[in-house]
PDB file of N, CA and C in Angstrom:
ATOM      1  N   MET A   1      14.350 -18.801  16.921  1.00  0.00           N
ATOM      2  CA  MET A   1      12.716 -18.428  17.395  1.00  0.00           C
ATOM      3  C   MET A   1      13.275 -16.608  17.558  1.00  0.00           C
ATOM      4  N   LYS A   2      14.498 -16.504  18.041  1.00  0.00           N
ATOM      5  CA  LYS A   2      15.332 -15.485  18.473  1.00  0.00           C
ATOM      6  C   LYS A   2      14.762 -14.540  17.517  1.00  0.00           C
ATOM      7  N   VAL A   3      15.465 -15.076  16.105  1.00  0.00           N
ATOM      8  CA  VAL A   3      14.928 -13.359  14.873  1.00  0.00           C
ATOM      9  C   VAL A   3      13.280 -13.842  14.272  1.00  0.00           C
ATOM     10  N   LYS A   4      12.710 -14.319  14.768  1.00  0.00           N
ATOM     11  CA  LYS A   4      11.095 -14.282  14.521  1.00  0.00           C
ATOM     12  C   LYS A   4      10.237 -13.440  15.746  1.00  0.00           C
ATOM     13  N   THR A   5      10.750 -12.941  16.989  1.00  0.00           N
ATOM     14  CA  THR A   5      10.764 -12.439  18.023  1.00  0.00           C
ATOM     15  C   THR A   5      11.602 -11.003  17.447  1.00  0.00           C
ATOM     16  N   TYR A   6      12.565 -11.629  17.032  1.00  0.00           N
ATOM     17  CA  TYR A   6      12.917  -9.720  16.114  1.00  0.00           C
ATOM     18  C   TYR A   6      12.230  -8.881  15.058  1.00  0.00           C
ATOM     19  N   VAL A   7      12.318  -9.961  14.168  1.00  0.00           N
ATOM     20  CA  VAL A   7      11.597  -9.533  13.330  1.00  0.00           C
ATOM     21  C   VAL A   7       9.408  -8.924  13.853  1.00  0.00           C
ATOM     22  N   SER A   8       9.184  -9.729  14.085  1.00  0.00           N
ATOM     23  CA  SER A   8       8.383  -8.904  14.766  1.00  0.00           C
ATOM     24  C   SER A   8       8.318  -8.121  15.692  1.00  0.00           C
ATOM     25  N   ASN A   9       8.350  -7.356  16.242  1.00  0.00           N
ATOM     26  CA  ASN A   9       8.663  -6.630  17.074  1.00  0.00           C
ATOM     27  C   ASN A   9       9.615  -5.252  16.362  1.00  0.00           C
ATOM     28  N   ILE A  10      10.004  -5.499  15.070  1.00  0.00           N
ATOM     29  CA  ILE A  10      10.567  -4.383  14.357  1.00  0.00           C
ATOM     30  C   ILE A  10       8.711  -4.261  13.300  1.00  0.00           C
ATOM     31  N   LYS A  11       8.067  -5.430  13.163  1.00  0.00           N
ATOM     32  CA  LYS A  11       7.074  -5.070  12.691  1.00  0.00           C
ATOM     33  C   LYS A  11       6.200  -4.253  13.332  1.00  0.00           C
ATOM     34  N   SER A  12       6.344  -4.363  14.773  1.00  0.00           N
ATOM     35  CA  SER A  12       5.036  -3.341  15.346  1.00  0.00           C
ATOM     36  C   SER A  12       5.690  -2.321  15.629  1.00  0.00           C
ATOM     37  N   ILE A  13       6.747  -1.766  16.077  1.00  0.00           N
ATOM     38  CA  ILE A  13       7.123  -0.529  15.892  1.00  0.00           C
ATOM     39  C   ILE A  13       6.791  -0.197  14.566  1.00  0.00           C
ATOM     40  N   LEU A  14       7.276  -0.449  13.700  1.00  0.00           N
ATOM     41  CA  LEU A  14       6.532   0.623  12.279  1.00  0.00           C
ATOM     42  C   LEU A  14       5.304   0.515  12.128  1.00  0.00           C
ATOM     43  N   THR A  15       4.264  -0.473  12.741  1.00  0.00           N
ATOM     44  CA  THR A  15       2.990  -0.492  12.693  1.00  0.00           C
ATOM     45  C   THR A  15       2.455   0.956  13.294  1.00  0.00           C
ATOM     46  N   VAL A  16       3.237   0.823  14.337  1.00  0.00           N
ATOM     47  CA  VAL A  16       3.454   2.422  15.275  1.00  0.00           C
ATOM     48  C   VAL A  16       3.905   3.296  15.232  1.00  0.00           C
ATOM     49  N   LEU A  17       4.603   3.428  14.404  1.00  0.00           N
ATOM     50  CA  LEU A  17       5.231   4.753  13.650  1.00  0.00           C
ATOM     51  C   LEU A  17       4.240   5.316  12.235  1.00  0.00           C
ATOM     52  N   LEU A  18       3.834   4.640  12.149  1.00  0.00           N
ATOM     53  CA  LEU A  18       3.506   4.821  10.446  1.00  0.00           C
ATOM     54  C   LEU A  18       1.453   4.926  11.064  1.00  0.00           C
ATOM     55  N   LEU A  19       0.845   4.431  12.216  1.00  0.00           N
ATOM     56  CA  LEU A  19       0.224   5.006  12.627  1.00  0.00           C
ATOM     57  C   LEU A  19       0.448   6.503  13.021  1.00  0.00           C
ATOM     58  N   SER A  20       1.866   6.525  13.357  1.00  0.00           N
ATOM     59  CA  SER A  20       1.228   8.417  14.119  1.00  0.00           C
ATOM     60  C   SER A  20       1.776   9.017  13.191  1.00  0.00           C
ATOM     61  N   CYS A  21       2.506   9.028  12.413  1.00  0.00           N
ATOM     62  CA  CYS A  21       2.372   9.316  11.170  1.00  0.00           C
ATOM     63  C   CYS A  21       0.668   9.890  10.460  1.00  0.00           C
ATOM     64  N   ALA A  22       0.197   8.764  10.345  1.00  0.00           N
ATOM     65  CA  ALA A  22      -0.889   9.420   9.594  1.00  0.00           C
ATOM     66  C   ALA A  22      -2.111   9.891  10.742  1.00  0.00           C
ATOM     67  N   LEU A  23      -1.568   9.962  11.587  1.00  0.00           N
ATOM     68  CA  LEU A  23      -3.079  10.345  13.275  1.00  0.00           C
ATOM     69  C   LEU A  23      -1.865  12.241  13.417  1.00  0.00           C
ATOM     70  N   GLY A  24      -0.522  12.001  12.621  1.00  0.00           N
ATOM     71  CA  GLY A  24      -0.209  13.155  12.535  1.00  0.00           C
ATOM     72  C   GLY A  24      -0.597  13.979  11.584  1.00  0.00           C
ATOM     73  N   ALA A  25      -0.757  13.424  10.868  1.00  0.00           N
ATOM     74  CA  ALA A  25      -1.013  14.554   9.687  1.00  0.00           C
ATOM     75  C   ALA A  25      -2.164  14.727   9.419  1.00  0.00           C
ATOM     76  N   CYS A  26      -3.028  14.598   9.687  1.00  0.00           N
ATOM     77  CA  CYS A  26      -4.387  15.594   9.901  1.00  0.00           C
ATOM     78  C   CYS A  26      -4.910  15.138  11.961  1.00  0.00           C
ATOM     79  N   ALA A  27      -3.932  16.355  12.023  1.00  0.00           N
ATOM     80  CA  ALA A  27      -3.940  16.574  13.747  1.00  0.00           C
ATOM     81  C   ALA A  27      -5.933  16.717  14.110  1.00  0.00           C
ATOM     82  N   THR A  28      -6.418  17.228  13.392  1.00  0.00           N
ATOM     83  CA  THR A  28      -7.973  17.042  14.177  1.00  0.00           C
ATOM     84  C   THR A  28      -8.619  16.621  12.698  1.00  0.00           C
ATOM     85  N   ILE A  29      -9.869  16.378  14.004  1.00  0.00           N
ATOM     86  CA  ILE A  29     -11.185  15.605  13.591  1.00  0.00           C
ATOM     87  C   ILE A  29     -11.662  15.513  11.870  1.00  0.00           C
ATOM     88  N   GLU A  30     -12.003  17.528  11.939  1.00  0.00           N
ATOM     89  CA  GLU A  30     -11.888  18.180  10.581  1.00  0.00           C
ATOM     90  C   GLU A  30     -10.661  18.000   9.688  1.00  0.00           C
ATOM     91  N   GLY A  31      -9.374  17.901   9.984  1.00  0.00           N
ATOM     92  CA  GLY A  31      -8.636  17.677   8.912  1.00  0.00           C
ATOM     93  C   GLY A  31      -8.894  16.069   8.375  1.00  0.00           C
ATOM     94  N   ALA A  32      -9.912  15.241   9.176  1.00  0.00           N
ATOM     95  CA  ALA A  32      -9.070  13.919   8.777  1.00  0.00           C
ATOM     96  C   ALA A  32     -11.064  14.049   8.708  1.00  0.00           C
ATOM     97  N   GLY A  33     -11.649  14.893   8.126  1.00  0.00           N
ATOM     98  CA  GLY A  33     -12.430  14.373   7.325  1.00  0.00           C
ATOM     99  C   GLY A  33     -12.348  14.824   6.301  1.00  0.00           C
ATOM    100  N   LYS A  34     -11.380  16.109   5.790  1.00  0.00           N
ATOM    101  CA  LYS A  34     -11.126  16.963   4.720  1.00  0.00           C
ATOM    102  C   LYS A  34     -10.494  15.797   4.012  1.00  0.00           C
ATOM    103  N   ASP A  35      -9.533  14.928   3.923  1.00  0.00           N
ATOM    104  CA  ASP A  35      -8.370  13.745   3.418  1.00  0.00           C
ATOM    105  C   ASP A  35      -9.045  12.722   3.594  1.00  0.00           C
ATOM    106  N   ILE A  36      -9.860  12.531   4.053  1.00  0.00           N
ATOM    107  CA  ILE A  36     -11.113  11.284   3.646  1.00  0.00           C
ATOM    108  C   ILE A  36     -12.063  11.876   2.168  1.00  0.00           C
ATOM    109  N   GLU A  37     -12.685  12.693   2.130  1.00  0.00           N
ATOM    110  CA  GLU A  37     -13.556  13.530   1.139  1.00  0.00           C
ATOM    111  C   GLU A  37     -12.502  13.543   0.099  1.00  0.00           C
ATOM    112  N   SER A  38     -11.487  14.241  -0.007  1.00  0.00           N
ATOM    113  CA  SER A  38     -10.370  14.253  -0.660  1.00  0.00           C
ATOM    114  C   SER A  38     -10.203  12.634  -1.771  1.00  0.00           C
ATOM    115  N   ALA A  39     -10.215  12.084  -0.684  1.00  0.00           N
ATOM    116  CA  ALA A  39      -9.579  10.397  -1.061  1.00  0.00           C
ATOM    117  C   ALA A  39     -11.015  10.274  -1.533  1.00  0.00           C
ATOM    118  N   GLY A  40     -11.743  10.204  -1.342  1.00  0.00           N
ATOM    119  CA  GLY A  40     -12.967   9.782  -1.934  1.00  0.00           C
ATOM    120  C   GLY A  40     -13.830  10.947  -3.195  1.00  0.00           C
ATOM    121  N   GLU A  41     -13.074  11.798  -3.295  1.00  0.00           N
ATOM    122  CA  GLU A  41     -13.296  12.744  -4.565  1.00  0.00           C
ATOM    123  C   GLU A  41     -12.466  12.377  -5.760  1.00  0.00           C
ATOM    124  N   ALA A  42     -10.948  11.419  -5.222  1.00  0.00           N
ATOM    125  CA  ALA A  42     -10.687  11.180  -6.334  1.00  0.00           C
ATOM    126  C   ALA A  42     -10.936  10.133  -6.825  1.00  0.00           C
ATOM    127  N   VAL A  43     -11.065   8.847  -5.841  1.00  0.00           N
ATOM    128  CA  VAL A  43     -11.481   7.136  -5.909  1.00  0.00           C
ATOM    129  C   VAL A  43     -12.886   7.460  -7.231  1.00  0.00           C
ATOM    130  N   GLN A  44     -13.319   8.948  -6.986  1.00  0.00           N
ATOM    131  CA  GLN A  44     -15.043   8.458  -7.593  1.00  0.00           C
ATOM    132  C   GLN A  44     -14.598   9.439  -9.417  1.00  0.00           C
ATOM    133  N   ASP A  45     -13.606  10.651  -9.269  1.00  0.00           N
ATOM    134  CA  ASP A  45     -13.545  10.913 -10.013  1.00  0.00           C
ATOM    135  C   ASP A  45     -12.683   9.733 -11.020  1.00  0.00           C
ATOM    136  N   ALA A  46     -11.437   9.081 -10.756  1.00  0.00           N
ATOM    137  CA  ALA A  46     -10.864   7.301 -11.110  1.00  0.00           C
ATOM    138  C   ALA A  46     -12.289   6.872 -12.011  1.00  0.00           C
ATOM    139  N   ALA A  47     -12.976   6.085 -11.120  1.00  0.00           N
ATOM    140  CA  ALA A  47     -14.521   5.998 -11.479  1.00  0.00           C
ATOM    141  C   ALA A  47     -15.146   6.585 -13.280  1.00  0.00           C
ATOM    142  N   ASN A  48     -15.020   8.044 -12.903  1.00  0.00           N
ATOM    143  CA  ASN A  48     -15.684   7.906 -14.378  1.00  0.00           C
ATOM    144  C   ASN A  48     -14.787   8.355 -15.150  1.00  0.00           C
ATOM    145  N   GLY A  49     -13.670   8.530 -14.935  1.00  0.00           N
ATOM    146  CA  GLY A  49     -12.543   8.396 -16.134  1.00  0.00           C
ATOM    147  C   GLY A  49     -12.431   9.654 -15.900  1.00  0.00           C
TER     148      GLY A  49
END
């Protein structure tokens, strides 16, 4: 059971770090909007061929 708790804690820490990096990458709402827009355009371009 101790290993299971350890793995759970590691997963939680990694999730928090990942979210922190993602939020830090787009520091403002405008930056987040641009990121989402560019991702949408990439998906659209891929769908169009």
